[in-house]
PDB file of N, CA and C in Angstrom:
ATOM      1  N   MET A   1      29.957 -17.074 -18.400  1.00  0.00           N
ATOM      2  CA  MET A   1      29.201 -15.876 -18.129  1.00  0.00           C
ATOM      3  C   MET A   1      30.105 -14.651 -18.219  1.00  0.00           C
ATOM      4  N   LYS A   2      29.585 -13.586 -18.800  1.00  0.00           N
ATOM      5  CA  LYS A   2      30.332 -12.347 -18.961  1.00  0.00           C
ATOM      6  C   LYS A   2      30.592 -11.708 -17.595  1.00  0.00           C
ATOM      7  N   GLN A   3      31.814 -11.187 -17.408  1.00  0.00           N
ATOM      8  CA  GLN A   3      32.167 -10.530 -16.146  1.00  0.00           C
ATOM      9  C   GLN A   3      31.487  -9.161 -16.069  1.00  0.00           C
ATOM     10  N   PRO A   4      30.989  -8.784 -14.875  1.00  0.00           N
ATOM     11  CA  PRO A   4      30.372  -7.461 -14.718  1.00  0.00           C
ATOM     12  C   PRO A   4      31.379  -6.353 -14.985  1.00  0.00           C
ATOM     13  N   ASP A   5      30.894  -5.197 -15.453  1.00  0.00           N
ATOM     14  CA  ASP A   5      31.728  -4.027 -15.742  1.00  0.00           C
ATOM     15  C   ASP A   5      31.967  -3.243 -14.456  1.00  0.00           C
ATOM     16  N   ASN A   6      33.058  -3.557 -13.751  1.00  0.00           N
ATOM     17  CA  ASN A   6      33.368  -2.868 -12.496  1.00  0.00           C
ATOM     18  C   ASN A   6      33.739  -1.408 -12.718  1.00  0.00           C
ATOM     19  N   ASN A   7      34.220  -1.046 -13.932  1.00  0.00           N
ATOM     20  CA  ASN A   7      34.578   0.348 -14.181  1.00  0.00           C
ATOM     21  C   ASN A   7      33.373   1.257 -14.024  1.00  0.00           C
ATOM     22  N   ARG A   8      32.228   0.811 -14.496  1.00  0.00           N
ATOM     23  CA  ARG A   8      31.021   1.619 -14.354  1.00  0.00           C
ATOM     24  C   ARG A   8      30.618   1.704 -12.886  1.00  0.00           C
ATOM     25  N   ALA A   9      30.764   0.613 -12.164  1.00  0.00           N
ATOM     26  CA  ALA A   9      30.397   0.572 -10.750  1.00  0.00           C
ATOM     27  C   ALA A   9      31.271   1.504  -9.919  1.00  0.00           C
ATOM     28  N   GLU A  10      32.478   1.798 -10.370  1.00  0.00           N
ATOM     29  CA  GLU A  10      33.396   2.654  -9.625  1.00  0.00           C
ATOM     30  C   GLU A  10      32.927   4.107  -9.572  1.00  0.00           C
ATOM     31  N   LYS A  11      31.961   4.479 -10.391  1.00  0.00           N
ATOM     32  CA  LYS A  11      31.507   5.869 -10.447  1.00  0.00           C
ATOM     33  C   LYS A  11      30.438   6.195  -9.413  1.00  0.00           C
ATOM     34  N   TYR A  12      30.027   5.208  -8.645  1.00  0.00           N
ATOM     35  CA  TYR A  12      28.972   5.419  -7.658  1.00  0.00           C
ATOM     36  C   TYR A  12      29.541   5.853  -6.311  1.00  0.00           C
ATOM     37  N   THR A  13      28.653   6.187  -5.397  1.00  0.00           N
ATOM     38  CA  THR A  13      29.031   6.724  -4.095  1.00  0.00           C
ATOM     39  C   THR A  13      28.924   5.635  -3.037  1.00  0.00           C
ATOM     40  N   TYR A  14      30.037   5.318  -2.418  1.00  0.00           N
ATOM     41  CA  TYR A  14      30.092   4.216  -1.460  1.00  0.00           C
ATOM     42  C   TYR A  14      30.419   4.717  -0.059  1.00  0.00           C
ATOM     43  N   ARG A  15      29.944   3.950   0.909  1.00  0.00           N
ATOM     44  CA  ARG A  15      30.260   4.190   2.314  1.00  0.00           C
ATOM     45  C   ARG A  15      30.628   2.851   2.938  1.00  0.00           C
ATOM     46  N   VAL A  16      31.663   2.855   3.761  1.00  0.00           N
ATOM     47  CA  VAL A  16      32.058   1.650   4.484  1.00  0.00           C
ATOM     48  C   VAL A  16      32.123   2.020   5.963  1.00  0.00           C
ATOM     49  N   VAL A  17      31.432   1.256   6.790  1.00  0.00           N
ATOM     50  CA  VAL A  17      31.432   1.496   8.232  1.00  0.00           C
ATOM     51  C   VAL A  17      31.722   0.190   8.962  1.00  0.00           C
ATOM     52  N   TRP A  18      32.267   0.318  10.152  1.00  0.00           N
ATOM     53  CA  TRP A  18      32.513  -0.848  10.984  1.00  0.00           C
ATOM     54  C   TRP A  18      31.242  -1.168  11.748  1.00  0.00           C
ATOM     55  N   SER A  19      30.854  -2.446  11.764  1.00  0.00           N
ATOM     56  CA  SER A  19      29.717  -2.902  12.546  1.00  0.00           C
ATOM     57  C   SER A  19      30.220  -3.753  13.693  1.00  0.00           C
ATOM     58  N   GLU A  20      30.082  -3.224  14.902  1.00  0.00           N
ATOM     59  CA  GLU A  20      30.493  -3.973  16.087  1.00  0.00           C
ATOM     60  C   GLU A  20      29.642  -5.233  16.222  1.00  0.00           C
ATOM     61  N   GLU A  21      28.356  -5.089  15.927  1.00  0.00           N
ATOM     62  CA  GLU A  21      27.437  -6.222  16.036  1.00  0.00           C
ATOM     63  C   GLU A  21      27.832  -7.366  15.103  1.00  0.00           C
ATOM     64  N   ASP A  22      28.196  -7.028  13.878  1.00  0.00           N
ATOM     65  CA  ASP A  22      28.557  -8.044  12.885  1.00  0.00           C
ATOM     66  C   ASP A  22      30.045  -8.397  12.909  1.00  0.00           C
ATOM     67  N   GLN A  23      30.825  -7.582  13.605  1.00  0.00           N
ATOM     68  CA  GLN A  23      32.274  -7.753  13.630  1.00  0.00           C
ATOM     69  C   GLN A  23      32.846  -7.788  12.206  1.00  0.00           C
ATOM     70  N   ALA A  24      32.367  -6.831  11.408  1.00  0.00           N
ATOM     71  CA  ALA A  24      32.793  -6.753  10.014  1.00  0.00           C
ATOM     72  C   ALA A  24      32.604  -5.323   9.515  1.00  0.00           C
ATOM     73  N   HIS A  25      33.282  -5.016   8.434  1.00  0.00           N
ATOM     74  CA  HIS A  25      33.058  -3.751   7.740  1.00  0.00           C
ATOM     75  C   HIS A  25      31.848  -3.952   6.835  1.00  0.00           C
ATOM     76  N   ILE A  26      30.908  -3.010   6.873  1.00  0.00           N
ATOM     77  CA  ILE A  26      29.700  -3.081   6.058  1.00  0.00           C
ATOM     78  C   ILE A  26      29.765  -1.965   5.024  1.00  0.00           C
ATOM     79  N   ALA A  27      29.605  -2.338   3.765  1.00  0.00           N
ATOM     80  CA  ALA A  27      29.668  -1.374   2.672  1.00  0.00           C
ATOM     81  C   ALA A  27      28.298  -1.219   2.032  1.00  0.00           C
ATOM     82  N   SER A  28      28.010   0.010   1.613  1.00  0.00           N
ATOM     83  CA  SER A  28      26.751   0.288   0.929  1.00  0.00           C
ATOM     84  C   SER A  28      27.009   1.259  -0.214  1.00  0.00           C
ATOM     85  N   CYS A  29      26.033   1.364  -1.091  1.00  0.00           N
ATOM     86  CA  CYS A  29      26.111   2.269  -2.233  1.00  0.00           C
ATOM     87  C   CYS A  29      24.880   3.168  -2.172  1.00  0.00           C
ATOM     88  N   LEU A  30      25.081   4.478  -2.128  1.00  0.00           N
ATOM     89  CA  LEU A  30      23.956   5.400  -1.990  1.00  0.00           C
ATOM     90  C   LEU A  30      22.969   5.313  -3.149  1.00  0.00           C
ATOM     91  N   GLU A  31      23.454   5.044  -4.343  1.00  0.00           N
ATOM     92  CA  GLU A  31      22.569   4.983  -5.508  1.00  0.00           C
ATOM     93  C   GLU A  31      21.814   3.651  -5.596  1.00  0.00           C
ATOM     94  N   PHE A  32      22.274   2.642  -4.867  1.00  0.00           N
ATOM     95  CA  PHE A  32      21.622   1.325  -4.824  1.00  0.00           C
ATOM     96  C   PHE A  32      21.359   0.994  -3.348  1.00  0.00           C
ATOM     97  N   PRO A  33      20.403   1.658  -2.706  1.00  0.00           N
ATOM     98  CA  PRO A  33      20.232   1.535  -1.258  1.00  0.00           C
ATOM     99  C   PRO A  33      19.851   0.145  -0.761  1.00  0.00           C
ATOM    100  N   SER A  34      19.382  -0.730  -1.618  1.00  0.00           N
ATOM    101  CA  SER A  34      19.007  -2.068  -1.165  1.00  0.00           C
ATOM    102  C   SER A  34      20.191  -3.030  -1.126  1.00  0.00           C
ATOM    103  N   LEU A  35      21.347  -2.604  -1.630  1.00  0.00           N
ATOM    104  CA  LEU A  35      22.526  -3.468  -1.655  1.00  0.00           C
ATOM    105  C   LEU A  35      23.456  -3.169  -0.490  1.00  0.00           C
ATOM    106  N   MET A  36      23.985  -4.228   0.103  1.00  0.00           N
ATOM    107  CA  MET A  36      25.012  -4.103   1.136  1.00  0.00           C
ATOM    108  C   MET A  36      25.970  -5.271   0.980  1.00  0.00           C
ATOM    109  N   ALA A  37      27.179  -5.081   1.470  1.00  0.00           N
ATOM    110  CA  ALA A  37      28.181  -6.148   1.437  1.00  0.00           C
ATOM    111  C   ALA A  37      29.049  -5.999   2.676  1.00  0.00           C
ATOM    112  N   HIS A  38      29.755  -7.051   2.997  1.00  0.00           N
ATOM    113  CA  HIS A  38      30.618  -6.979   4.166  1.00  0.00           C
ATOM    114  C   HIS A  38      31.975  -7.588   3.843  1.00  0.00           C
ATOM    115  N   GLY A  39      32.940  -7.264   4.701  1.00  0.00           N
ATOM    116  CA  GLY A  39      34.274  -7.814   4.540  1.00  0.00           C
ATOM    117  C   GLY A  39      35.050  -7.679   5.826  1.00  0.00           C
ATOM    118  N   SER A  40      36.112  -8.451   5.946  1.00  0.00           N
ATOM    119  CA  SER A  40      36.938  -8.399   7.150  1.00  0.00           C
ATOM    120  C   SER A  40      37.770  -7.119   7.211  1.00  0.00           C
ATOM    121  N   THR A  41      37.932  -6.461   6.065  1.00  0.00           N
ATOM    122  CA  THR A  41      38.604  -5.161   6.012  1.00  0.00           C
ATOM    123  C   THR A  41      37.722  -4.212   5.208  1.00  0.00           C
ATOM    124  N   ALA A  42      37.970  -2.926   5.360  1.00  0.00           N
ATOM    125  CA  ALA A  42      37.202  -1.941   4.603  1.00  0.00           C
ATOM    126  C   ALA A  42      37.425  -2.131   3.100  1.00  0.00           C
ATOM    127  N   LYS A  43      38.655  -2.442   2.735  1.00  0.00           N
ATOM    128  CA  LYS A  43      38.984  -2.642   1.321  1.00  0.00           C
ATOM    129  C   LYS A  43      38.212  -3.828   0.733  1.00  0.00           C
ATOM    130  N   LYS A  44      38.121  -4.927   1.496  1.00  0.00           N
ATOM    131  CA  LYS A  44      37.382  -6.098   1.022  1.00  0.00           C
ATOM    132  C   LYS A  44      35.892  -5.805   0.925  1.00  0.00           C
ATOM    133  N   ALA A  45      35.353  -5.075   1.900  1.00  0.00           N
ATOM    134  CA  ALA A  45      33.935  -4.728   1.861  1.00  0.00           C
ATOM    135  C   ALA A  45      33.633  -3.847   0.656  1.00  0.00           C
ATOM    136  N   LEU A  46      34.516  -2.894   0.374  1.00  0.00           N
ATOM    137  CA  LEU A  46      34.335  -2.018  -0.782  1.00  0.00           C
ATOM    138  C   LEU A  46      34.370  -2.827  -2.075  1.00  0.00           C
ATOM    139  N   ALA A  47      35.305  -3.751  -2.195  1.00  0.00           N
ATOM    140  CA  ALA A  47      35.394  -4.590  -3.398  1.00  0.00           C
ATOM    141  C   ALA A  47      34.118  -5.408  -3.566  1.00  0.00           C
ATOM    142  N   GLU A  48      33.574  -5.907  -2.466  1.00  0.00           N
ATOM    143  CA  GLU A  48      32.353  -6.716  -2.529  1.00  0.00           C
ATOM    144  C   GLU A  48      31.145  -5.890  -2.987  1.00  0.00           C
ATOM    145  N   ILE A  49      30.993  -4.680  -2.455  1.00  0.00           N
ATOM    146  CA  ILE A  49      29.835  -3.873  -2.849  1.00  0.00           C
ATOM    147  C   ILE A  49      29.985  -3.405  -4.291  1.00  0.00           C
ATOM    148  N   GLU A  50      31.203  -3.089  -4.719  1.00  0.00           N
ATOM    149  CA  GLU A  50      31.404  -2.708  -6.123  1.00  0.00           C
ATOM    150  C   GLU A  50      31.039  -3.862  -7.051  1.00  0.00           C
ATOM    151  N   ALA A  51      31.391  -5.083  -6.683  1.00  0.00           N
ATOM    152  CA  ALA A  51      31.029  -6.255  -7.490  1.00  0.00           C
ATOM    153  C   ALA A  51      29.513  -6.447  -7.510  1.00  0.00           C
ATOM    154  N   ALA A  52      28.864  -6.228  -6.368  1.00  0.00           N
ATOM    155  CA  ALA A  52      27.398  -6.368  -6.309  1.00  0.00           C
ATOM    156  C   ALA A  52      26.725  -5.309  -7.172  1.00  0.00           C
ATOM    157  N   VAL A  53      27.236  -4.084  -7.147  1.00  0.00           N
ATOM    158  CA  VAL A  53      26.672  -3.021  -7.979  1.00  0.00           C
ATOM    159  C   VAL A  53      26.883  -3.344  -9.457  1.00  0.00           C
ATOM    160  N   ALA A  54      28.086  -3.785  -9.814  1.00  0.00           N
ATOM    161  CA  ALA A  54      28.368  -4.131 -11.211  1.00  0.00           C
ATOM    162  C   ALA A  54      27.432  -5.235 -11.700  1.00  0.00           C
ATOM    163  N   ALA A  55      27.206  -6.254 -10.879  1.00  0.00           N
ATOM    164  CA  ALA A  55      26.296  -7.336 -11.254  1.00  0.00           C
ATOM    165  C   ALA A  55      24.868  -6.812 -11.383  1.00  0.00           C
ATOM    166  N   SER A  56      24.464  -5.938 -10.480  1.00  0.00           N
ATOM    167  CA  SER A  56      23.113  -5.373 -10.541  1.00  0.00           C
ATOM    168  C   SER A  56      22.922  -4.549 -11.810  1.00  0.00           C
ATOM    169  N   ILE A  57      23.933  -3.779 -12.178  1.00  0.00           N
ATOM    170  CA  ILE A  57      23.857  -2.989 -13.409  1.00  0.00           C
ATOM    171  C   ILE A  57      23.674  -3.909 -14.603  1.00  0.00           C
ATOM    172  N   GLU A  58      24.435  -4.993 -14.625  1.00  0.00           N
ATOM    173  CA  GLU A  58      24.337  -5.946 -15.733  1.00  0.00           C
ATOM    174  C   GLU A  58      22.925  -6.541 -15.809  1.00  0.00           C
ATOM    175  N   TRP A  59      22.399  -6.948 -14.666  1.00  0.00           N
ATOM    176  CA  TRP A  59      21.045  -7.523 -14.646  1.00  0.00           C
ATOM    177  C   TRP A  59      20.001  -6.498 -15.075  1.00  0.00           C
ATOM    178  N   MET A  60      20.166  -5.281 -14.620  1.00  0.00           N
ATOM    179  CA  MET A  60      19.210  -4.233 -14.977  1.00  0.00           C
ATOM    180  C   MET A  60      19.257  -3.939 -16.472  1.00  0.00           C
ATOM    181  N   GLN A  61      20.466  -3.932 -17.047  1.00  0.00           N
ATOM    182  CA  GLN A  61      20.601  -3.720 -18.488  1.00  0.00           C
ATOM    183  C   GLN A  61      19.894  -4.830 -19.258  1.00  0.00           C
ATOM    184  N   GLU A  62      20.115  -6.068 -18.833  1.00  0.00           N
ATOM    185  CA  GLU A  62      19.489  -7.211 -19.505  1.00  0.00           C
ATOM    186  C   GLU A  62      17.969  -7.149 -19.412  1.00  0.00           C
ATOM    187  N   ALA A  63      17.453  -6.613 -18.312  1.00  0.00           N
ATOM    188  CA  ALA A  63      16.008  -6.522 -18.102  1.00  0.00           C
ATOM    189  C   ALA A  63      15.419  -5.231 -18.675  1.00  0.00           C
ATOM    190  N   GLY A  64      16.272  -4.382 -19.208  1.00  0.00           N
ATOM    191  CA  GLY A  64      15.804  -3.124 -19.775  1.00  0.00           C
ATOM    192  C   GLY A  64      15.362  -2.112 -18.720  1.00  0.00           C
ATOM    193  N   GLU A  65      15.871  -2.261 -17.502  1.00  0.00           N
ATOM    194  CA  GLU A  65      15.514  -1.338 -16.423  1.00  0.00           C
ATOM    195  C   GLU A  65      16.415  -0.107 -16.449  1.00  0.00           C
ATOM    196  N   LYS A  66      15.896   0.970 -15.891  1.00  0.00           N
ATOM    197  CA  LYS A  66      16.662   2.209 -15.799  1.00  0.00           C
ATOM    198  C   LYS A  66      17.738   2.056 -14.729  1.00  0.00           C
ATOM    199  N   ILE A  67      18.960   2.416 -15.069  1.00  0.00           N
ATOM    200  CA  ILE A  67      20.092   2.309 -14.153  1.00  0.00           C
ATOM    201  C   ILE A  67      20.268   3.656 -13.455  1.00  0.00           C
ATOM    202  N   PRO A  68      20.405   3.639 -12.127  1.00  0.00           N
ATOM    203  CA  PRO A  68      20.555   4.899 -11.399  1.00  0.00           C
ATOM    204  C   PRO A  68      21.755   5.709 -11.875  1.00  0.00           C
ATOM    205  N   GLU A  69      21.579   7.011 -11.912  1.00  0.00           N
ATOM    206  CA  GLU A  69      22.658   7.917 -12.280  1.00  0.00           C
ATOM    207  C   GLU A  69      23.569   8.116 -11.072  1.00  0.00           C
ATOM    208  N   SER A  70      24.850   8.147 -11.304  1.00  0.00           N
ATOM    209  CA  SER A  70      25.828   8.390 -10.248  1.00  0.00           C
ATOM    210  C   SER A  70      25.652   9.794  -9.686  1.00  0.00           C
ATOM    211  N   LEU A  71      25.691   9.922  -8.359  1.00  0.00           N
ATOM    212  CA  LEU A  71      25.596  11.251  -7.742  1.00  0.00           C
ATOM    213  C   LEU A  71      26.747  12.142  -8.178  1.00  0.00           C
ATOM    214  N   GLY A  72      27.912  11.549  -8.435  1.00  0.00           N
ATOM    215  CA  GLY A  72      29.069  12.311  -8.871  1.00  0.00           C
ATOM    216  C   GLY A  72      28.944  12.847 -10.283  1.00  0.00           C
ATOM    217  N   GLN A  73      28.082  12.232 -11.087  1.00  0.00           N
ATOM    218  CA  GLN A  73      27.903  12.669 -12.470  1.00  0.00           C
ATOM    219  C   GLN A  73      26.627  13.470 -12.670  1.00  0.00           C
ATOM    220  N   ARG A  74      25.752  13.468 -11.666  1.00  0.00           N
ATOM    221  CA  ARG A  74      24.480  14.180 -11.764  1.00  0.00           C
ATOM    222  C   ARG A  74      24.721  15.682 -11.761  1.00  0.00           C
ATOM    223  N   LYS A  75      23.965  16.393 -12.571  1.00  0.00           N
ATOM    224  CA  LYS A  75      24.043  17.850 -12.619  1.00  0.00           C
ATOM    225  C   LYS A  75      23.035  18.415 -11.629  1.00  0.00           C
ATOM    226  N   PHE A  76      23.495  19.322 -10.780  1.00  0.00           N
ATOM    227  CA  PHE A  76      22.640  19.965  -9.798  1.00  0.00           C
ATOM    228  C   PHE A  76      22.455  21.429 -10.179  1.00  0.00           C
ATOM    229  N   LYS A  77      21.237  21.943 -10.015  1.00  0.00           N
ATOM    230  CA  LYS A  77      20.925  23.329 -10.354  1.00  0.00           C
ATOM    231  C   LYS A  77      21.362  24.302  -9.272  1.00  0.00           C
ATOM    232  N   GLY A  78      21.423  23.830  -8.031  1.00  0.00           N
ATOM    233  CA  GLY A  78      21.759  24.725  -6.938  1.00  0.00           C
ATOM    234  C   GLY A  78      20.528  25.340  -6.292  1.00  0.00           C
ATOM    235  N   ASN A  79      19.342  24.903  -6.718  1.00  0.00           N
ATOM    236  CA  ASN A  79      18.099  25.371  -6.108  1.00  0.00           C
ATOM    237  C   ASN A  79      17.633  24.338  -5.104  1.00  0.00           C
ATOM    238  N   LEU A  80      17.214  24.816  -3.958  1.00  0.00           N
ATOM    239  CA  LEU A  80      16.734  23.934  -2.917  1.00  0.00           C
ATOM    240  C   LEU A  80      15.458  24.535  -2.355  1.00  0.00           C
ATOM    241  N   THR A  81      14.363  23.818  -2.455  1.00  0.00           N
ATOM    242  CA  THR A  81      13.099  24.295  -1.913  1.00  0.00           C
ATOM    243  C   THR A  81      12.970  23.778  -0.494  1.00  0.00           C
ATOM    244  N   LEU A  82      12.735  24.697   0.418  1.00  0.00           N
ATOM    245  CA  LEU A  82      12.651  24.337   1.819  1.00  0.00           C
ATOM    246  C   LEU A  82      11.374  24.926   2.393  1.00  0.00           C
ATOM    247  N   ARG A  83      10.551  24.089   2.997  1.00  0.00           N
ATOM    248  CA  ARG A  83       9.331  24.575   3.635  1.00  0.00           C
ATOM    249  C   ARG A  83       9.568  24.641   5.135  1.00  0.00           C
ATOM    250  N   VAL A  84       9.247  25.794   5.712  1.00  0.00           N
ATOM    251  CA  VAL A  84       9.396  25.990   7.151  1.00  0.00           C
ATOM    252  C   VAL A  84       8.108  26.620   7.684  1.00  0.00           C
ATOM    253  N   PRO A  85       7.862  26.481   8.982  1.00  0.00           N
ATOM    254  CA  PRO A  85       6.690  27.145   9.566  1.00  0.00           C
ATOM    255  C   PRO A  85       6.789  28.664   9.389  1.00  0.00           C
ATOM    256  N   ALA A  86       5.659  29.326   9.279  1.00  0.00           N
ATOM    257  CA  ALA A  86       5.620  30.775   9.040  1.00  0.00           C
ATOM    258  C   ALA A  86       6.398  31.542  10.108  1.00  0.00           C
ATOM    259  N   GLU A  87       6.286  31.148  11.361  1.00  0.00           N
ATOM    260  CA  GLU A  87       6.980  31.868  12.429  1.00  0.00           C
ATOM    261  C   GLU A  87       8.501  31.730  12.288  1.00  0.00           C
ATOM    262  N   LEU A  88       8.980  30.552  11.910  1.00  0.00           N
ATOM    263  CA  LEU A  88      10.411  30.382  11.684  1.00  0.00           C
ATOM    264  C   LEU A  88      10.871  31.237  10.515  1.00  0.00           C
ATOM    265  N   HIS A  89      10.066  31.326   9.467  1.00  0.00           N
ATOM    266  CA  HIS A  89      10.379  32.174   8.315  1.00  0.00           C
ATOM    267  C   HIS A  89      10.552  33.617   8.785  1.00  0.00           C
ATOM    268  N   ARG A  90       9.652  34.074   9.656  1.00  0.00           N
ATOM    269  CA  ARG A  90       9.720  35.433  10.195  1.00  0.00           C
ATOM    270  C   ARG A  90      11.022  35.631  10.992  1.00  0.00           C
ATOM    271  N   VAL A  91      11.327  34.683  11.868  1.00  0.00           N
ATOM    272  CA  VAL A  91      12.541  34.784  12.694  1.00  0.00           C
ATOM    273  C   VAL A  91      13.787  34.813  11.815  1.00  0.00           C
ATOM    274  N   LEU A  92      13.846  33.947  10.818  1.00  0.00           N
ATOM    275  CA  LEU A  92      15.011  33.921   9.919  1.00  0.00           C
ATOM    276  C   LEU A  92      15.139  35.227   9.147  1.00  0.00           C
ATOM    277  N   THR A  93      14.031  35.787   8.701  1.00  0.00           N
ATOM    278  CA  THR A  93      14.046  37.055   7.966  1.00  0.00           C
ATOM    279  C   THR A  93      14.561  38.177   8.863  1.00  0.00           C
ATOM    280  N   ILE A  94      14.110  38.207  10.113  1.00  0.00           N
ATOM    281  CA  ILE A  94      14.573  39.229  11.059  1.00  0.00           C
ATOM    282  C   ILE A  94      16.072  39.086  11.314  1.00  0.00           C
ATOM    283  N   ARG A  95      16.522  37.854  11.547  1.00  0.00           N
ATOM    284  CA  ARG A  95      17.951  37.641  11.816  1.00  0.00           C
ATOM    285  C   ARG A  95      18.813  38.006  10.616  1.00  0.00           C
ATOM    286  N   SER A  96      18.327  37.691   9.418  1.00  0.00           N
ATOM    287  CA  SER A  96      19.113  38.048   8.226  1.00  0.00           C
ATOM    288  C   SER A  96      19.189  39.556   8.070  1.00  0.00           C
ATOM    289  N   ALA A  97      18.088  40.259   8.387  1.00  0.00           N
ATOM    290  CA  ALA A  97      18.086  41.726   8.316  1.00  0.00           C
ATOM    291  C   ALA A  97      19.041  42.305   9.364  1.00  0.00           C
ATOM    292  N   GLU A  98      19.056  41.711  10.549  1.00  0.00           N
ATOM    293  CA  GLU A  98      19.960  42.178  11.604  1.00  0.00           C
ATOM    294  C   GLU A  98      21.420  42.040  11.187  1.00  0.00           C
ATOM    295  N   GLU A  99      21.715  41.008  10.430  1.00  0.00           N
ATOM    296  CA  GLU A  99      23.088  40.789   9.966  1.00  0.00           C
ATOM    297  C   GLU A  99      23.386  41.503   8.657  1.00  0.00           C
ATOM    298  N   GLY A 100      22.353  42.101   8.064  1.00  0.00           N
ATOM    299  CA  GLY A 100      22.547  42.863   6.827  1.00  0.00           C
ATOM    300  C   GLY A 100      22.827  42.007   5.608  1.00  0.00           C
ATOM    301  N   VAL A 101      22.272  40.788   5.596  1.00  0.00           N
ATOM    302  CA  VAL A 101      22.440  39.896   4.449  1.00  0.00           C
ATOM    303  C   VAL A 101      21.069  39.417   3.977  1.00  0.00           C
ATOM    304  N   SER A 102      21.042  38.878   2.784  1.00  0.00           N
ATOM    305  CA  SER A 102      19.785  38.339   2.280  1.00  0.00           C
ATOM    306  C   SER A 102      19.399  37.100   3.083  1.00  0.00           C
ATOM    307  N   LEU A 103      18.131  36.765   3.035  1.00  0.00           N
ATOM    308  CA  LEU A 103      17.658  35.556   3.710  1.00  0.00           C
ATOM    309  C   LEU A 103      18.393  34.341   3.164  1.00  0.00           C
ATOM    310  N   ASN A 104      18.580  34.284   1.861  1.00  0.00           N
ATOM    311  CA  ASN A 104      19.300  33.164   1.247  1.00  0.00           C
ATOM    312  C   ASN A 104      20.717  33.055   1.795  1.00  0.00           C
ATOM    313  N   GLN A 105      21.431  34.185   1.864  1.00  0.00           N
ATOM    314  CA  GLN A 105      22.798  34.179   2.366  1.00  0.00           C
ATOM    315  C   GLN A 105      22.840  33.792   3.849  1.00  0.00           C
ATOM    316  N   TYR A 106      21.867  34.264   4.621  1.00  0.00           N
ATOM    317  CA  TYR A 106      21.822  33.951   6.039  1.00  0.00           C
ATOM    318  C   TYR A 106      21.647  32.429   6.228  1.00  0.00           C
ATOM    319  N   ILE A 107      20.674  31.848   5.541  1.00  0.00           N
ATOM    320  CA  ILE A 107      20.424  30.405   5.663  1.00  0.00           C
ATOM    321  C   ILE A 107      21.633  29.614   5.172  1.00  0.00           C
ATOM    322  N   LEU A 108      22.212  30.028   4.055  1.00  0.00           N
ATOM    323  CA  LEU A 108      23.388  29.352   3.508  1.00  0.00           C
ATOM    324  C   LEU A 108      24.534  29.360   4.517  1.00  0.00           C
ATOM    325  N   SER A 109      24.718  30.475   5.227  1.00  0.00           N
ATOM    326  CA  SER A 109      25.792  30.551   6.202  1.00  0.00           C
ATOM    327  C   SER A 109      25.544  29.600   7.369  1.00  0.00           C
ATOM    328  N   LYS A 110      24.297  29.307   7.669  1.00  0.00           N
ATOM    329  CA  LYS A 110      23.967  28.409   8.789  1.00  0.00           C
ATOM    330  C   LYS A 110      24.102  26.942   8.405  1.00  0.00           C
ATOM    331  N   ILE A 111      23.893  26.600   7.150  1.00  0.00           N
ATOM    332  CA  ILE A 111      23.971  25.180   6.754  1.00  0.00           C
ATOM    333  C   ILE A 111      25.303  24.794   6.155  1.00  0.00           C
ATOM    334  N   ALA A 112      26.120  25.785   5.813  1.00  0.00           N
ATOM    335  CA  ALA A 112      27.427  25.485   5.198  1.00  0.00           C
ATOM    336  C   ALA A 112      28.409  24.927   6.202  1.00  0.00           C
TER     337      ALA A 112
END
């Protein structure tokens, strides 16, 4: 059997956390949310999830399925649509005016 392409799997976004309940490091991939792996060390857990992602990519290619785009390679426009209650919109507009900045700049300063 052909070995999975781990180089492609390395481009995805991974997280490794310690699980007290499992007494192991648990690794996940943001672009493949249904996959998880574990290991006795963070390094081993990361290697396991990368192998699982590489195998999944191979299976998806064979099945003709769309492979998720890496968050690191995705192009972002910088536009974010946010819906808020009308009263909050009013309060934010007043506060931005008090600070002498645009509403966009005011909100950006609060979330940055």
